[in-house]
């Protein structure tokens, strides 16, 4: 990088028209090397070359004299290289490609010519190829999952390094996918999440997987259908549908469902005093009920203390027996349903108990729908 700028400074001195051009007007050494290597690689591999290909061959080239060449730059702008950590020998300096490039931009071209006159000294040793690494850009896989167990976390649940559940939705979905795509890892995202003891029913919850560095990156629709089948056959606790490859830009739609979409639930409500003479129509008559929810006590250790305004769009009641009824709700995404039922010691107002003027508790909760039309439905 230093020698490249030295040449650029010399070219500007010789050709005045370059004074109005940006430094990247002349291709970098890195770009020249890339294009020089492309033709032999095309012939050797039998494939075409694309500068923006998802498959990349990364070369790490080292030169033993590079460290000594940076010394003048380190002395002129030491603040760029300083880590701020003092020790007996002084302050630790972090000299790498990024810090050198940053430092160069802080030095005027006139001063740079003084620090590094042209022509640069002839290298005393050749550069060495230290590493060749092949990588593939991430592949994005989307789908919807259902969870039928009340003892299964969405992601691995660890407390002080100890697992609280044997497996998770993420692991049950990702393991077959990783085996097929031979990837180095995967990042799991979803449109919201349900508690361990809450089932996810209906068409399921939209999710996305960012599969990193897959060695088997070209996956057909038939391959995806087979992966989906293997996931569904591997466990009775989870099922997936609409599994498909999507673009990175399409995954942005996933986050819309976390706060802006509606979600539908079924809650089994217990009224210790009994349902006799209880005005259940008070619930069913509510439309777009605005509630205030303080951060629930059960998540206060990991969530910011604040008051959230949420909307309960509609409610429907179905009596089960003398002390229980099913409450079907459609709410704004992000509503804490458990707290809306029992009130969380008055931290959610109004709540089912306050509306009925009776003590209420929740025994079961199911998510029945996440109203986000993504990813597209498939025939499989």
Protein backbone atom coordinates (compact mmCIF):
# COMPACT_ATOMS: atom_id res chain seq x y z
CA UNK A 1 0.00 0.00 0.00
CA UNK A 2 2.88 2.36 0.84
CA UNK A 3 4.76 1.63 -2.38
CA UNK A 4 1.56 2.03 -4.38
CA UNK A 5 1.06 5.55 -3.04
CA UNK A 6 4.71 6.36 -3.68
CA UNK A 7 4.20 5.52 -7.36
CA UNK A 8 0.96 7.53 -7.44
CA UNK A 9 2.77 10.59 -6.05
CA UNK A 10 5.47 10.23 -8.74
CA UNK A 11 2.85 9.91 -11.50
CA UNK A 12 1.10 13.07 -10.32
CA UNK A 13 4.37 14.97 -10.43
CA UNK A 14 5.01 13.83 -13.99
CA UNK A 15 1.48 14.06 -15.42
CA UNK A 16 -0.38 17.20 -14.34
CA UNK A 17 -3.81 15.96 -15.52
CA UNK A 18 -3.70 13.43 -12.65
CA UNK A 19 -3.94 16.26 -10.10
CA UNK A 20 -7.71 16.35 -10.64
CA UNK A 21 -8.11 12.57 -10.44
CA UNK A 22 -8.79 10.46 -7.33
CA UNK A 23 -6.12 8.04 -6.16
CA UNK A 24 -8.11 5.02 -7.32
CA UNK A 25 -7.94 6.39 -10.91
CA UNK A 26 -4.92 4.13 -11.33
CA UNK A 27 -5.76 0.46 -10.56
CA UNK A 28 -4.26 -0.82 -7.34
CA UNK A 29 -1.57 -3.49 -7.23
CA UNK A 30 -4.16 -5.81 -5.70
CA UNK A 31 -6.55 -5.33 -8.64
CA UNK A 32 -3.78 -5.79 -11.19
CA UNK A 33 -2.69 -9.03 -9.51
CA UNK A 34 -6.29 -10.27 -9.45
CA UNK A 35 -6.82 -9.68 -13.15
CA UNK A 36 -3.39 -11.10 -14.01
CA UNK A 37 -4.20 -14.33 -12.21
CA UNK A 38 -7.72 -14.61 -13.63
CA UNK A 39 -6.83 -15.90 -17.10
CA UNK A 40 -4.55 -18.77 -15.92
CA UNK A 41 -7.19 -19.72 -13.34
CA UNK A 42 -9.92 -19.79 -15.99
CA UNK A 43 -7.85 -22.14 -18.14
CA UNK A 44 -6.85 -24.35 -15.22
CA UNK A 45 -10.30 -24.62 -13.60
CA UNK A 46 -12.36 -24.54 -16.78
CA UNK A 47 -14.73 -21.89 -15.47
CA UNK A 48 -15.31 -18.22 -16.19
CA UNK A 49 -14.01 -15.39 -14.03
CA UNK A 50 -16.29 -12.84 -12.37
CA UNK A 51 -14.99 -10.10 -10.10
CA UNK A 52 -18.15 -10.21 -7.96
CA UNK A 53 -18.50 -14.00 -7.85
CA UNK A 54 -19.90 -15.63 -4.71
CA UNK A 55 -16.93 -18.01 -4.78
CA UNK A 56 -13.60 -16.40 -3.95
CA UNK A 57 -9.99 -17.55 -3.78
CA UNK A 58 -8.19 -15.54 -1.10
CA UNK A 59 -4.41 -15.17 -1.27
CA UNK A 60 -2.36 -14.04 1.72
CA UNK A 61 0.98 -12.64 0.54
CA UNK A 62 3.64 -11.68 3.05
CA UNK A 63 6.81 -9.63 2.71
CA UNK A 64 9.35 -9.68 5.53
CA UNK A 65 10.52 -6.09 4.92
CA UNK A 66 7.02 -4.56 5.17
CA UNK A 67 7.30 -3.90 8.90
CA UNK A 68 10.45 -1.78 8.51
CA UNK A 69 8.88 0.24 5.68
CA UNK A 70 6.00 1.33 7.89
CA UNK A 71 8.27 2.84 10.56
CA UNK A 72 8.23 6.38 9.12
CA UNK A 73 4.43 6.28 9.00
CA UNK A 74 4.18 5.02 12.59
CA UNK A 75 6.41 7.83 13.81
CA UNK A 76 4.47 10.52 11.90
CA UNK A 77 0.91 9.48 12.93
CA UNK A 78 1.43 7.24 16.00
CA UNK A 79 -2.15 7.81 17.21
CA UNK A 80 -3.48 5.64 14.35
CA UNK A 81 -1.40 2.66 15.42
CA UNK A 82 -1.58 3.06 19.19
CA UNK A 83 -3.75 0.53 21.04
CA UNK A 84 -3.56 2.67 24.17
CA UNK A 85 -2.16 -0.18 26.26
CA UNK A 86 0.96 0.82 28.16
CA UNK A 87 3.64 -1.59 29.29
CA UNK A 88 7.23 -1.33 30.43
CA UNK A 89 8.48 -0.88 26.86
CA UNK A 90 5.94 1.84 26.03
CA UNK A 91 2.62 1.77 24.16
CA UNK A 92 1.66 -1.24 22.03
CA UNK A 93 1.48 -0.42 18.33
CA UNK A 94 -0.99 -2.22 16.04
CA UNK A 95 0.49 -2.25 12.53
CA UNK A 96 -1.66 -4.01 9.93
CA UNK A 97 -3.13 -3.35 6.50
CA UNK A 98 -6.10 -1.45 7.91
CA UNK A 99 -4.13 0.86 10.19
CA UNK A 100 -1.53 1.53 7.48
CA UNK A 101 -4.27 2.44 4.97
CA UNK A 102 -5.90 4.74 7.55
CA UNK A 103 -2.60 6.42 8.34
CA UNK A 104 -1.83 7.04 4.67
CA UNK A 105 -5.08 8.98 4.27
CA UNK A 106 -4.04 11.27 7.14
CA UNK A 107 -0.78 12.23 5.45
CA UNK A 108 -0.80 14.85 2.70
CA UNK A 109 0.70 13.79 -0.62
CA UNK A 110 3.43 16.42 -0.25
CA UNK A 111 4.46 15.11 3.17
CA UNK A 112 4.20 11.53 1.96
CA UNK A 113 6.74 12.27 -0.80
CA UNK A 114 9.16 13.42 1.91
CA UNK A 115 8.60 10.31 4.03
CA UNK A 116 8.74 7.94 1.06
CA UNK A 117 10.73 9.41 -1.89
CA UNK A 118 10.51 7.94 -5.38
CA UNK A 119 11.78 5.51 -6.50
CA UNK A 120 11.34 3.24 -3.49
CA UNK A 121 14.27 1.10 -2.40
CA UNK A 122 14.65 -2.19 -4.20
CA UNK A 123 13.28 -5.04 -2.03
CA UNK A 124 15.94 -7.26 -0.55
CA UNK A 125 13.70 -10.33 -0.64
CA UNK A 126 10.75 -11.59 -2.67
CA UNK A 127 7.20 -11.75 -1.33
CA UNK A 128 5.93 -15.15 -0.22
CA UNK A 129 2.54 -16.78 -0.67
CA UNK A 130 1.59 -17.58 2.92
CA UNK A 131 -1.94 -18.94 2.49
CA UNK A 132 -4.53 -19.87 -0.14
CA UNK A 133 -8.09 -20.04 1.09
CA UNK A 134 -11.31 -20.72 -0.83
CA UNK A 135 -14.53 -19.27 0.56
CA UNK A 136 -18.10 -18.91 -0.60
CA UNK A 137 -20.42 -16.02 0.18
CA UNK A 138 -23.24 -16.82 2.62
CA UNK A 139 -26.34 -18.57 1.27
CA UNK A 140 -29.69 -17.54 2.78
CA UNK A 141 -32.38 -20.13 3.44
CA UNK A 142 -35.90 -19.20 4.57
CA UNK A 143 -38.92 -21.13 5.74
CA UNK A 144 -41.56 -21.44 8.45
CA UNK A 145 -41.40 -23.69 11.50
CA UNK A 146 -43.98 -25.11 13.88
CA UNK A 147 -43.10 -26.16 17.44
CA UNK A 148 -45.31 -28.74 19.14
CA UNK A 149 -43.43 -29.18 22.43
CA UNK A 150 -43.77 -27.14 25.60
CA UNK A 151 -40.26 -28.18 26.70
CA UNK A 152 -38.25 -26.93 23.72
CA UNK A 153 -36.39 -23.62 23.46
CA UNK A 154 -36.10 -21.77 20.17
CA UNK A 155 -32.30 -21.43 20.42
CA UNK A 156 -29.77 -23.32 22.59
CA UNK A 157 -30.59 -22.45 26.22
CA UNK A 158 -27.49 -22.23 28.39
CA UNK A 159 -27.19 -20.93 31.95
CA UNK A 160 -23.64 -20.69 33.35
CA UNK A 161 -22.49 -23.07 30.62
CA UNK A 162 -25.11 -25.70 31.49
CA UNK A 163 -27.79 -26.73 29.00
CA UNK A 164 -31.36 -26.35 30.25
CA UNK A 165 -32.93 -28.22 27.32
CA UNK A 166 -31.44 -31.19 25.38
CA UNK A 167 -31.87 -29.49 22.02
CA UNK A 168 -33.63 -26.52 20.38
CA UNK A 169 -35.67 -25.53 17.34
CA UNK A 170 -32.54 -24.01 15.82
CA UNK A 171 -30.50 -27.20 16.19
CA UNK A 172 -33.25 -29.48 14.90
CA UNK A 173 -33.56 -27.34 11.76
CA UNK A 174 -29.91 -26.49 11.17
CA UNK A 175 -28.23 -29.88 11.68
CA UNK A 176 -29.63 -31.58 8.53
CA UNK A 177 -29.00 -28.41 6.51
CA UNK A 178 -25.36 -28.16 7.60
CA UNK A 179 -24.74 -31.79 6.69
CA UNK A 180 -26.09 -31.28 3.18
CA UNK A 181 -24.47 -27.93 2.43
CA UNK A 182 -21.18 -28.78 4.19
CA UNK A 183 -21.05 -25.30 5.72
CA UNK A 184 -18.77 -23.95 8.42
CA UNK A 185 -21.66 -22.46 10.39
CA UNK A 186 -25.15 -21.01 10.37
CA UNK A 187 -26.89 -17.98 11.90
CA UNK A 188 -30.55 -18.41 12.88
CA UNK A 189 -33.05 -15.52 12.80
CA UNK A 190 -36.82 -15.49 13.12
CA UNK A 191 -39.78 -13.14 13.17
CA UNK A 192 -40.05 -12.97 16.94
CA UNK A 193 -39.77 -15.91 19.31
CA UNK A 194 -41.94 -17.96 21.63
CA UNK A 195 -41.16 -19.07 25.20
CA UNK A 196 -40.01 -22.62 25.92
CA UNK A 197 -43.49 -23.61 27.19
CA UNK A 198 -45.36 -22.02 24.25
CA UNK A 199 -46.28 -23.92 21.09
CA UNK A 200 -46.01 -22.42 17.61
CA UNK A 201 -48.90 -23.73 15.48
CA UNK A 202 -50.75 -22.81 12.29
CA UNK A 203 -48.56 -22.14 9.25
CA UNK A 204 -45.59 -21.57 11.55
CA UNK A 205 -43.16 -18.78 12.32
CA UNK A 206 -41.03 -17.30 9.48
CA UNK A 207 -37.30 -17.85 9.93
CA UNK A 208 -34.07 -17.33 8.03
CA UNK A 209 -30.72 -19.12 8.09
CA UNK A 210 -27.49 -17.45 6.99
CA UNK A 211 -25.36 -20.43 5.93
CA UNK A 212 -21.69 -19.40 6.09
CA UNK A 213 -19.04 -20.68 3.67
CA UNK A 214 -21.04 -23.60 2.22
CA UNK A 215 -18.94 -26.10 0.26
CA UNK A 216 -22.10 -27.36 -1.43
CA UNK A 217 -23.65 -24.02 -2.36
CA UNK A 218 -25.70 -24.90 -5.43
CA UNK A 219 -28.85 -26.38 -3.90
CA UNK A 220 -31.82 -27.20 -6.12
CA UNK A 221 -35.50 -27.02 -5.19
CA UNK A 222 -35.47 -30.81 -5.00
CA UNK A 223 -32.53 -30.68 -2.58
CA UNK A 224 -34.41 -28.23 -0.37
CA UNK A 225 -37.49 -30.44 -0.41
CA UNK A 226 -35.37 -33.41 0.70
CA UNK A 227 -33.74 -31.38 3.49
CA UNK A 228 -37.19 -30.27 4.63
CA UNK A 229 -38.35 -33.89 4.69
CA UNK A 230 -35.32 -34.97 6.75
CA UNK A 231 -35.96 -32.20 9.29
CA UNK A 232 -39.60 -33.20 9.62
CA UNK A 233 -38.73 -36.88 10.01
CA UNK A 234 -36.01 -36.24 12.59
CA UNK A 235 -38.31 -35.05 15.38
CA UNK A 236 -41.97 -34.93 16.34
CA UNK A 237 -41.39 -31.65 18.18
CA UNK A 238 -40.67 -29.49 15.13
CA UNK A 239 -41.80 -29.29 11.52
CA UNK A 240 -40.82 -26.89 8.72
CA UNK A 241 -42.48 -25.83 5.48
CA UNK A 242 -41.73 -23.58 2.50
CA UNK A 243 -37.97 -24.17 2.82
CA UNK A 244 -36.23 -22.23 0.03
CA UNK A 245 -33.19 -20.23 -1.04
CA UNK A 246 -33.73 -16.45 -0.84
CA UNK A 247 -31.63 -13.37 -1.52
CA UNK A 248 -29.98 -11.37 1.26
CA UNK A 249 -32.17 -8.35 0.49
CA UNK A 250 -35.32 -10.47 0.87
CA UNK A 251 -34.39 -11.33 4.46
CA UNK A 252 -35.01 -7.71 5.48
CA UNK A 253 -38.75 -8.49 5.33
CA UNK A 254 -38.28 -10.92 8.23
CA UNK A 255 -37.72 -8.20 10.83
CA UNK A 256 -40.92 -6.43 9.83
CA UNK A 257 -42.90 -9.14 11.57
CA UNK A 258 -41.28 -8.54 14.97
CA UNK A 259 -43.12 -5.30 15.78
CA UNK A 260 -45.28 -4.18 12.84
CA UNK A 261 -47.43 -7.26 12.14
CA UNK A 262 -50.34 -8.91 13.95
CA UNK A 263 -50.11 -12.21 15.80
CA UNK A 264 -52.86 -14.58 16.88
CA UNK A 265 -52.84 -16.60 20.11
CA UNK A 266 -54.85 -19.08 22.16
CA UNK A 267 -54.52 -18.81 25.93
CA UNK A 268 -56.03 -21.24 28.44
CA UNK A 269 -57.21 -18.96 31.26
CA UNK A 270 -57.96 -20.11 34.82
CA UNK A 271 -60.41 -18.17 37.01
CA UNK A 272 -60.19 -19.60 40.58
CA UNK A 273 -63.51 -18.00 41.60
CA UNK A 274 -65.32 -19.64 38.68
CA UNK A 275 -66.99 -18.38 35.50
CA UNK A 276 -70.51 -18.13 36.90
CA UNK A 277 -71.87 -14.59 36.54
CA UNK A 278 -68.54 -13.49 35.03
CA UNK A 279 -69.07 -10.85 32.30
CA UNK A 280 -66.97 -12.56 29.60
CA UNK A 281 -68.57 -10.35 26.96
CA UNK A 282 -66.45 -7.51 28.38
CA UNK A 283 -63.53 -9.20 26.66
CA UNK A 284 -65.25 -10.00 23.38
CA UNK A 285 -66.60 -6.45 23.09
CA UNK A 286 -63.11 -4.94 23.18
CA UNK A 287 -61.75 -3.69 19.87
CA UNK A 288 -58.23 -2.29 19.45
CA UNK A 289 -57.72 -2.15 23.20
CA UNK A 290 -54.65 -0.07 24.09
CA UNK A 291 -52.62 -1.50 26.97
CA UNK A 292 -49.53 -0.31 28.82
CA UNK A 293 -46.91 -2.95 29.60
CA UNK A 294 -43.97 -2.41 31.91
CA UNK A 295 -41.08 -4.76 31.14
CA UNK A 296 -42.22 -8.10 32.65
CA UNK A 297 -40.52 -9.22 35.85
CA UNK A 298 -39.57 -12.55 34.25
CA UNK A 299 -37.43 -10.85 31.58
CA UNK A 300 -36.29 -7.78 33.52
CA UNK A 301 -32.80 -9.27 33.97
CA UNK A 302 -32.19 -9.09 30.20
CA UNK A 303 -34.53 -6.38 28.92
CA UNK A 304 -34.52 -2.61 29.39
CA UNK A 305 -36.97 -1.32 31.99
CA UNK A 306 -39.54 0.69 30.06
CA UNK A 307 -43.26 0.99 29.39
CA UNK A 308 -44.49 -0.34 26.05
CA UNK A 309 -47.81 0.58 24.48
CA UNK A 310 -49.41 -2.33 22.64
CA UNK A 311 -52.74 -2.98 20.93
CA UNK A 312 -55.02 -5.97 21.54
CA UNK A 313 -57.06 -5.89 18.34
CA UNK A 314 -59.73 -8.45 19.21
CA UNK A 315 -60.65 -11.24 21.65
CA UNK A 316 -62.91 -14.25 21.52
CA UNK A 317 -63.88 -16.53 24.43
CA UNK A 318 -64.71 -20.24 24.46
CA UNK A 319 -65.68 -21.76 27.81
CA UNK A 320 -63.94 -25.03 28.72
CA UNK A 321 -65.44 -25.79 32.15
CA UNK A 322 -66.62 -23.96 35.26
CA UNK A 323 -63.23 -22.37 35.98
CA UNK A 324 -61.45 -22.34 32.59
CA UNK A 325 -61.91 -20.72 29.20
CA UNK A 326 -59.90 -20.43 25.99
CA UNK A 327 -59.10 -16.86 25.07
CA UNK A 328 -58.36 -16.27 21.38
CA UNK A 329 -56.53 -13.00 20.78
CA UNK A 330 -55.23 -11.01 17.85
CA UNK A 331 -52.63 -8.53 19.01
CA UNK A 332 -49.87 -6.24 17.87
CA UNK A 333 -46.57 -8.09 17.57
CA UNK A 334 -44.45 -7.64 20.68
CA UNK A 335 -47.35 -7.94 23.13
CA UNK A 336 -46.59 -9.94 26.28
CA UNK A 337 -49.62 -12.24 26.34
CA UNK A 338 -48.94 -13.99 29.66
CA UNK A 339 -48.71 -10.64 31.42
CA UNK A 340 -51.85 -9.38 29.68
CA UNK A 341 -53.75 -12.29 31.24
CA UNK A 342 -52.46 -12.26 34.84
CA UNK A 343 -51.42 -8.59 35.04
CA UNK A 344 -47.85 -9.13 36.29
CA UNK A 345 -48.64 -7.58 39.68
CA UNK A 346 -50.21 -4.55 38.02
CA UNK A 347 -47.34 -3.94 35.59
CA UNK A 348 -49.68 -4.55 32.60
CA UNK A 349 -52.86 -2.45 32.54
CA UNK A 350 -55.55 -3.11 31.69
CA UNK A 351 -55.36 -6.90 31.81
CA UNK A 352 -57.82 -9.81 31.66
CA UNK A 353 -58.10 -9.89 35.46
CA UNK A 354 -58.80 -6.17 35.77
CA UNK A 355 -61.33 -6.22 32.90
CA UNK A 356 -63.24 -9.10 34.52
CA UNK A 357 -62.67 -7.82 38.06
CA UNK A 358 -61.45 -11.29 39.00
CA UNK A 359 -58.17 -13.09 39.60
CA UNK A 360 -56.94 -14.64 36.34
CA UNK A 361 -54.00 -16.82 35.48
CA UNK A 362 -52.71 -18.44 32.30
CA UNK A 363 -52.06 -22.19 32.09
CA UNK A 364 -51.22 -22.67 28.40
CA UNK A 365 -50.32 -20.47 25.48
CA UNK A 366 -50.17 -21.22 21.75
CA UNK A 367 -49.16 -18.92 18.91
CA UNK A 368 -51.66 -19.70 16.15
CA UNK A 369 -50.54 -17.29 13.44
CA UNK A 370 -47.82 -14.79 12.58
CA UNK A 371 -49.39 -12.56 9.94
CA UNK A 372 -46.30 -12.06 7.79
CA UNK A 373 -46.60 -13.18 4.18
CA UNK A 374 -42.99 -14.31 3.92
CA UNK A 375 -41.35 -16.41 2.64
CA UNK A 376 -43.58 -17.27 -0.34
CA UNK A 377 -45.66 -20.42 0.11
CA UNK A 378 -44.52 -23.48 -1.82
CA UNK A 379 -46.48 -26.48 -3.02
CA UNK A 380 -44.40 -28.79 -0.80
